[in-house]
């Protein structure tokens, strides 16, 4: 017994040793050679702009700086001005409401459509292709089209509601109480195809034997969905929500096309506030501050996601 154990241990030790003539040290430079292009790309196109944006938030950066190159440091003056601005608080709240409302609507409708199209019926593929159209249209084009549809006087939606006798004078984009809701609904319409496609792909990986076993046990449709579909889709749902958050929290072009942050700053978000500070008021320091806060929010969300994903994996 002792002899066999010693022989097994020796075999394991021999298997764990590097092959003769291939020392581990020689593989280091080769590995760095493959990694170096990616690291260089990240430093040039992500690291440098990020560091420059952080430095700019502590400078008095004006249009004159582009010609003179002079941008004196002003400490935390930019940060103090932005954080004390009442518009910043409104923009932060609108960003949270816009992001949460969009994610909830896109996910719920996208999941419902994914479950619906998971069944086999005629014209399944054709209908799924048509639903992808909002995702394929550029967001600026979608914003302009929806701005015409939601116009209070000449919009198609109000004309249709007037025909049904439901009132056709709703100020969808011109009322401070309706504008943010209207923008959220348009963004939900745009994001539904993405959620549906990813969740539909996840449903294809769920073994059909599980559904057959649930049917034999007499499980209802809701019980099957809650006990089989949702647990199986949990990794896919996490990816969908993370990617949706990253793309929604920074949306700018859609809001500019629909309301330009109005009326009365009712649809002002951190993305539009960054744009207006930097390119309308030409206060680049204030724009950099809001941009850094937006990056910080995304980074915190990404760290929380990675920690939750690691805990779930363990």
Protein backbone atom coordinates (compact mmCIF):
# COMPACT_ATOMS: atom_id res chain seq x y z
CA UNK A 1 0.00 0.00 0.00
CA UNK A 2 2.85 2.36 0.89
CA UNK A 3 4.69 1.54 -2.31
CA UNK A 4 1.66 2.28 -4.51
CA UNK A 5 1.05 5.59 -2.73
CA UNK A 6 4.67 6.63 -3.19
CA UNK A 7 4.53 5.69 -6.87
CA UNK A 8 1.34 7.73 -7.39
CA UNK A 9 2.84 10.75 -5.64
CA UNK A 10 5.94 10.53 -7.78
CA UNK A 11 3.81 10.35 -10.94
CA UNK A 12 1.86 13.44 -9.92
CA UNK A 13 5.08 15.32 -9.19
CA UNK A 14 6.52 14.35 -12.58
CA UNK A 15 3.30 15.49 -14.31
CA UNK A 16 3.40 18.87 -12.57
CA UNK A 17 6.97 19.64 -13.61
CA UNK A 18 7.60 21.68 -16.78
CA UNK A 19 8.75 19.72 -19.78
CA UNK A 20 12.51 19.62 -20.37
CA UNK A 21 13.76 22.42 -22.60
CA UNK A 22 10.72 24.62 -21.91
CA UNK A 23 11.51 26.67 -18.82
CA UNK A 24 8.67 28.75 -17.43
CA UNK A 25 10.68 31.97 -17.53
CA UNK A 26 10.93 31.94 -21.32
CA UNK A 27 7.16 32.09 -21.70
CA UNK A 28 6.88 35.45 -19.92
CA UNK A 29 8.05 37.74 -22.77
CA UNK A 30 5.91 35.87 -25.29
CA UNK A 31 2.82 36.30 -23.15
CA UNK A 32 3.52 40.01 -22.69
CA UNK A 33 4.00 40.30 -26.43
CA UNK A 34 0.42 39.15 -26.99
CA UNK A 35 -0.98 41.30 -24.18
CA UNK A 36 0.97 44.47 -25.06
CA UNK A 37 -1.24 45.60 -28.01
CA UNK A 38 -4.39 45.35 -25.90
CA UNK A 39 -2.74 47.18 -22.98
CA UNK A 40 -1.45 49.90 -25.32
CA UNK A 41 -4.87 50.31 -26.89
CA UNK A 42 -6.54 50.62 -23.48
CA UNK A 43 -3.99 53.19 -22.30
CA UNK A 44 -4.28 55.35 -25.41
CA UNK A 45 -8.03 55.30 -25.97
CA UNK A 46 -9.35 54.80 -22.43
CA UNK A 47 -6.64 55.59 -19.90
CA UNK A 48 -5.40 58.88 -21.36
CA UNK A 49 -8.86 60.45 -21.92
CA UNK A 50 -9.95 59.39 -18.44
CA UNK A 51 -6.88 60.87 -16.75
CA UNK A 52 -7.12 64.03 -18.85
CA UNK A 53 -10.79 64.42 -17.94
CA UNK A 54 -9.99 64.09 -14.24
CA UNK A 55 -7.21 66.68 -14.49
CA UNK A 56 -9.48 69.03 -16.46
CA UNK A 57 -12.02 68.99 -13.64
CA UNK A 58 -9.46 70.73 -11.43
CA UNK A 59 -8.51 73.36 -14.03
CA UNK A 60 -9.91 76.64 -15.27
CA UNK A 61 -10.35 75.32 -18.81
CA UNK A 62 -11.82 77.80 -21.29
CA UNK A 63 -11.93 78.14 -25.11
CA UNK A 64 -8.88 80.37 -24.78
CA UNK A 65 -6.95 77.36 -23.51
CA UNK A 66 -7.09 75.76 -26.96
CA UNK A 67 -5.00 78.62 -28.35
CA UNK A 68 -2.74 79.49 -25.41
CA UNK A 69 -2.47 76.10 -23.75
CA UNK A 70 -2.88 77.76 -20.35
CA UNK A 71 -5.29 76.05 -17.95
CA UNK A 72 -4.40 77.08 -14.38
CA UNK A 73 -5.43 74.83 -11.54
CA UNK A 74 -8.34 76.11 -9.48
CA UNK A 75 -8.58 73.33 -6.90
CA UNK A 76 -12.08 72.15 -6.11
CA UNK A 77 -13.79 75.25 -7.49
CA UNK A 78 -15.36 73.36 -10.41
CA UNK A 79 -16.58 70.57 -8.15
CA UNK A 80 -18.01 73.03 -5.64
CA UNK A 81 -19.87 74.98 -8.33
CA UNK A 82 -21.36 71.86 -9.89
CA UNK A 83 -22.42 70.20 -6.64
CA UNK A 84 -24.03 73.42 -5.38
CA UNK A 85 -25.95 73.94 -8.62
CA UNK A 86 -29.64 72.99 -8.11
CA UNK A 87 -29.72 71.74 -11.69
CA UNK A 88 -27.19 69.02 -10.82
CA UNK A 89 -29.51 67.52 -8.21
CA UNK A 90 -32.41 67.52 -10.67
CA UNK A 91 -30.26 65.97 -13.40
CA UNK A 92 -29.05 63.24 -11.04
CA UNK A 93 -32.61 62.38 -10.00
CA UNK A 94 -33.84 62.40 -13.60
CA UNK A 95 -30.94 60.10 -14.56
CA UNK A 96 -31.88 57.59 -11.87
CA UNK A 97 -35.58 57.67 -12.80
CA UNK A 98 -34.84 57.46 -16.52
CA UNK A 99 -32.42 54.56 -16.09
CA UNK A 100 -34.60 52.57 -13.69
CA UNK A 101 -37.78 53.09 -15.71
CA UNK A 102 -36.10 52.21 -18.98
CA UNK A 103 -34.44 49.06 -17.64
CA UNK A 104 -37.63 47.84 -15.98
CA UNK A 105 -39.79 48.40 -19.06
CA UNK A 106 -37.27 47.01 -21.55
CA UNK A 107 -36.59 43.92 -19.47
CA UNK A 108 -40.22 43.05 -18.67
CA UNK A 109 -41.48 43.48 -22.24
CA UNK A 110 -38.35 41.86 -23.72
CA UNK A 111 -38.69 38.83 -21.43
CA UNK A 112 -42.39 38.48 -22.25
CA UNK A 113 -41.64 38.57 -25.98
CA UNK A 114 -38.75 36.11 -25.60
CA UNK A 115 -41.00 33.63 -23.81
CA UNK A 116 -43.72 34.17 -26.42
CA UNK A 117 -41.40 33.57 -29.39
CA UNK A 118 -39.82 30.56 -27.67
CA UNK A 119 -42.85 28.60 -28.84
CA UNK A 120 -43.18 27.27 -32.38
CA UNK A 121 -45.87 28.85 -34.55
CA UNK A 122 -46.20 30.12 -38.15
CA UNK A 123 -44.35 33.35 -39.05
CA UNK A 124 -42.31 33.18 -35.85
CA UNK A 125 -39.08 34.20 -37.56
CA UNK A 126 -40.72 36.95 -39.63
CA UNK A 127 -42.30 38.58 -36.57
CA UNK A 128 -39.03 38.43 -34.64
CA UNK A 129 -37.29 40.13 -37.55
CA UNK A 130 -39.84 42.95 -37.57
CA UNK A 131 -39.41 43.54 -33.84
CA UNK A 132 -35.67 44.05 -34.42
CA UNK A 133 -36.29 47.13 -36.56
CA UNK A 134 -36.28 49.70 -33.70
CA UNK A 135 -32.86 48.40 -32.66
CA UNK A 136 -31.45 48.81 -36.18
CA UNK A 137 -32.57 52.42 -36.67
CA UNK A 138 -30.07 55.08 -35.47
CA UNK A 139 -31.17 56.60 -32.17
CA UNK A 140 -31.18 60.16 -33.52
CA UNK A 141 -33.49 59.09 -36.35
CA UNK A 142 -35.78 57.34 -33.86
CA UNK A 143 -35.83 60.46 -31.69
CA UNK A 144 -36.79 62.73 -34.60
CA UNK A 145 -39.53 60.35 -35.77
CA UNK A 146 -40.99 60.04 -32.28
CA UNK A 147 -40.84 63.79 -31.84
CA UNK A 148 -43.15 64.11 -34.83
CA UNK A 149 -45.40 61.31 -33.57
CA UNK A 150 -45.72 62.88 -30.09
CA UNK A 151 -46.26 66.44 -31.30
CA UNK A 152 -49.16 67.98 -29.42
CA UNK A 153 -50.82 69.62 -32.43
CA UNK A 154 -49.86 67.58 -35.49
CA UNK A 155 -48.69 64.28 -33.98
CA UNK A 156 -50.12 60.98 -35.17
CA UNK A 157 -50.65 59.72 -31.63
CA UNK A 158 -52.86 62.62 -30.57
CA UNK A 159 -54.81 62.40 -33.83
CA UNK A 160 -55.42 58.71 -33.23
CA UNK A 161 -56.52 59.32 -29.62
CA UNK A 162 -58.83 62.12 -30.82
CA UNK A 163 -60.40 59.71 -33.32
CA UNK A 164 -61.12 57.26 -30.50
CA UNK A 165 -62.61 60.02 -28.39
CA UNK A 166 -59.90 59.77 -25.74
CA UNK A 167 -58.70 63.35 -26.07
CA UNK A 168 -56.10 64.38 -28.57
CA UNK A 169 -54.31 67.29 -26.96
CA UNK A 170 -51.88 65.57 -24.59
CA UNK A 171 -48.62 67.59 -24.29
CA UNK A 172 -46.32 64.59 -24.44
CA UNK A 173 -43.06 66.52 -24.88
CA UNK A 174 -44.04 70.06 -23.89
CA UNK A 175 -45.35 69.43 -20.37
CA UNK A 176 -42.82 69.21 -17.49
CA UNK A 177 -44.97 66.47 -15.98
CA UNK A 178 -45.19 64.34 -19.13
CA UNK A 179 -41.87 64.89 -20.90
CA UNK A 180 -39.70 62.54 -18.80
CA UNK A 181 -42.31 59.76 -19.00
CA UNK A 182 -42.52 60.19 -22.77
CA UNK A 183 -38.74 59.95 -23.16
CA UNK A 184 -38.68 56.81 -21.00
CA UNK A 185 -41.40 55.19 -23.13
CA UNK A 186 -39.51 55.96 -26.33
CA UNK A 187 -36.31 54.52 -24.87
CA UNK A 188 -38.20 51.39 -23.80
CA UNK A 189 -39.42 50.98 -27.39
CA UNK A 190 -35.83 51.25 -28.63
CA UNK A 191 -34.36 48.81 -26.08
CA UNK A 192 -36.96 46.03 -26.25
CA UNK A 193 -35.35 44.22 -29.24
CA UNK A 194 -31.95 43.99 -27.51
CA UNK A 195 -33.46 42.46 -24.37
CA UNK A 196 -35.63 40.10 -26.39
CA UNK A 197 -32.73 38.81 -28.52
CA UNK A 198 -30.40 38.14 -25.56
CA UNK A 199 -33.11 36.55 -23.42
CA UNK A 200 -34.39 34.49 -26.36
CA UNK A 201 -30.89 33.14 -26.87
CA UNK A 202 -30.74 32.22 -23.19
CA UNK A 203 -34.05 30.39 -23.43
CA UNK A 204 -32.67 28.24 -26.24
CA UNK A 205 -30.11 26.81 -23.80
CA UNK A 206 -32.70 25.67 -21.25
CA UNK A 207 -33.16 21.87 -21.58
CA UNK A 208 -36.63 21.02 -22.81
CA UNK A 209 -36.60 17.95 -20.56
CA UNK A 210 -37.15 20.25 -17.61
CA UNK A 211 -40.35 21.63 -19.13
CA UNK A 212 -41.53 18.13 -19.99
CA UNK A 213 -40.92 16.96 -16.43
CA UNK A 214 -42.80 19.97 -15.06
CA UNK A 215 -45.74 19.25 -17.35
CA UNK A 216 -45.84 15.63 -16.18
CA UNK A 217 -45.88 16.83 -12.56
CA UNK A 218 -48.85 19.05 -13.33
CA UNK A 219 -47.02 22.36 -12.81
CA UNK A 220 -48.85 25.47 -14.01
CA UNK A 221 -47.37 27.87 -16.54
CA UNK A 222 -46.52 30.43 -13.84
CA UNK A 223 -44.96 27.75 -11.62
CA UNK A 224 -42.86 26.50 -14.53
CA UNK A 225 -41.74 30.03 -15.37
CA UNK A 226 -40.86 30.83 -11.75
CA UNK A 227 -39.11 27.55 -10.93
CA UNK A 228 -37.40 26.68 -14.22
CA UNK A 229 -37.19 29.60 -16.63
CA UNK A 230 -36.08 32.36 -14.26
CA UNK A 231 -33.38 30.34 -12.43
CA UNK A 232 -31.99 29.09 -15.74
CA UNK A 233 -31.90 32.63 -17.16
CA UNK A 234 -30.24 34.21 -14.10
CA UNK A 235 -26.75 34.60 -15.69
CA UNK A 236 -28.28 35.98 -18.90
CA UNK A 237 -30.51 38.37 -16.94
CA UNK A 238 -27.45 39.72 -15.11
CA UNK A 239 -25.65 40.41 -18.39
CA UNK A 240 -28.73 42.07 -19.91
CA UNK A 241 -29.22 44.38 -16.92
CA UNK A 242 -25.55 45.35 -16.71
CA UNK A 243 -25.26 46.11 -20.41
CA UNK A 244 -28.59 47.92 -20.32
CA UNK A 245 -27.48 50.06 -17.40
CA UNK A 246 -24.20 50.99 -19.08
CA UNK A 247 -25.94 52.05 -22.28
CA UNK A 248 -28.89 53.81 -20.63
CA UNK A 249 -27.24 55.88 -17.91
CA UNK A 250 -25.22 57.85 -20.48
CA UNK A 251 -27.86 58.36 -23.18
CA UNK A 252 -27.59 61.78 -24.78
CA UNK A 253 -28.62 61.75 -28.44
CA UNK A 254 -32.16 60.49 -27.85
CA UNK A 255 -32.95 63.16 -25.25
CA UNK A 256 -31.42 65.91 -27.40
CA UNK A 257 -33.52 64.82 -30.37
CA UNK A 258 -36.74 64.64 -28.34
CA UNK A 259 -36.63 67.50 -25.83
CA UNK A 260 -33.09 68.93 -25.67
CA UNK A 261 -33.31 68.60 -21.90
CA UNK A 262 -36.53 70.60 -21.60
CA UNK A 263 -39.14 71.74 -21.00
CA UNK A 264 -37.98 73.64 -17.91
CA UNK A 265 -35.13 71.10 -17.48
CA UNK A 266 -37.69 68.33 -16.92
CA UNK A 267 -35.62 65.84 -18.94
CA UNK A 268 -32.18 67.09 -17.96
CA UNK A 269 -29.87 64.15 -17.14
CA UNK A 270 -26.18 63.88 -16.32
CA UNK A 271 -25.45 63.16 -19.98
CA UNK A 272 -27.24 66.26 -21.26
CA UNK A 273 -25.80 68.37 -18.42
CA UNK A 274 -22.29 67.32 -19.43
CA UNK A 275 -23.01 68.27 -23.03
CA UNK A 276 -24.51 71.66 -22.16
CA UNK A 277 -21.74 72.60 -19.73
CA UNK A 278 -19.00 71.68 -22.18
CA UNK A 279 -20.37 72.62 -25.61
CA UNK A 280 -23.14 75.16 -24.94
CA UNK A 281 -21.82 77.15 -21.98
CA UNK A 282 -18.20 76.29 -22.89
CA UNK A 283 -17.42 75.58 -19.23
CA UNK A 284 -15.19 72.58 -19.85
CA UNK A 285 -14.19 72.22 -16.21
CA UNK A 286 -17.81 71.85 -15.08
CA UNK A 287 -18.51 69.45 -17.94
CA UNK A 288 -15.53 67.34 -16.88
CA UNK A 289 -16.84 67.22 -13.31
CA UNK A 290 -20.25 65.90 -14.37
CA UNK A 291 -18.58 63.45 -16.74
CA UNK A 292 -16.38 62.13 -13.92
CA UNK A 293 -19.42 61.67 -11.69
CA UNK A 294 -21.14 59.74 -14.48
CA UNK A 295 -18.05 57.53 -14.88
CA UNK A 296 -17.91 57.01 -11.11
CA UNK A 297 -21.54 55.85 -11.01
CA UNK A 298 -20.87 53.36 -13.81
CA UNK A 299 -17.69 52.13 -12.09
CA UNK A 300 -19.51 51.57 -8.78
CA UNK A 301 -22.24 49.62 -10.55
CA UNK A 302 -19.63 47.53 -12.40
CA UNK A 303 -17.78 46.69 -9.15
CA UNK A 304 -21.01 45.67 -7.44
CA UNK A 305 -21.89 43.48 -10.42
CA UNK A 306 -18.47 41.77 -10.41
CA UNK A 307 -18.66 41.10 -6.67
CA UNK A 308 -22.18 39.70 -6.96
CA UNK A 309 -21.17 37.57 -9.95
CA UNK A 310 -18.13 36.21 -8.09
CA UNK A 311 -20.21 35.41 -5.01
CA UNK A 312 -22.81 33.62 -7.12
CA UNK A 313 -20.08 31.63 -8.89
CA UNK A 314 -18.53 30.53 -5.59
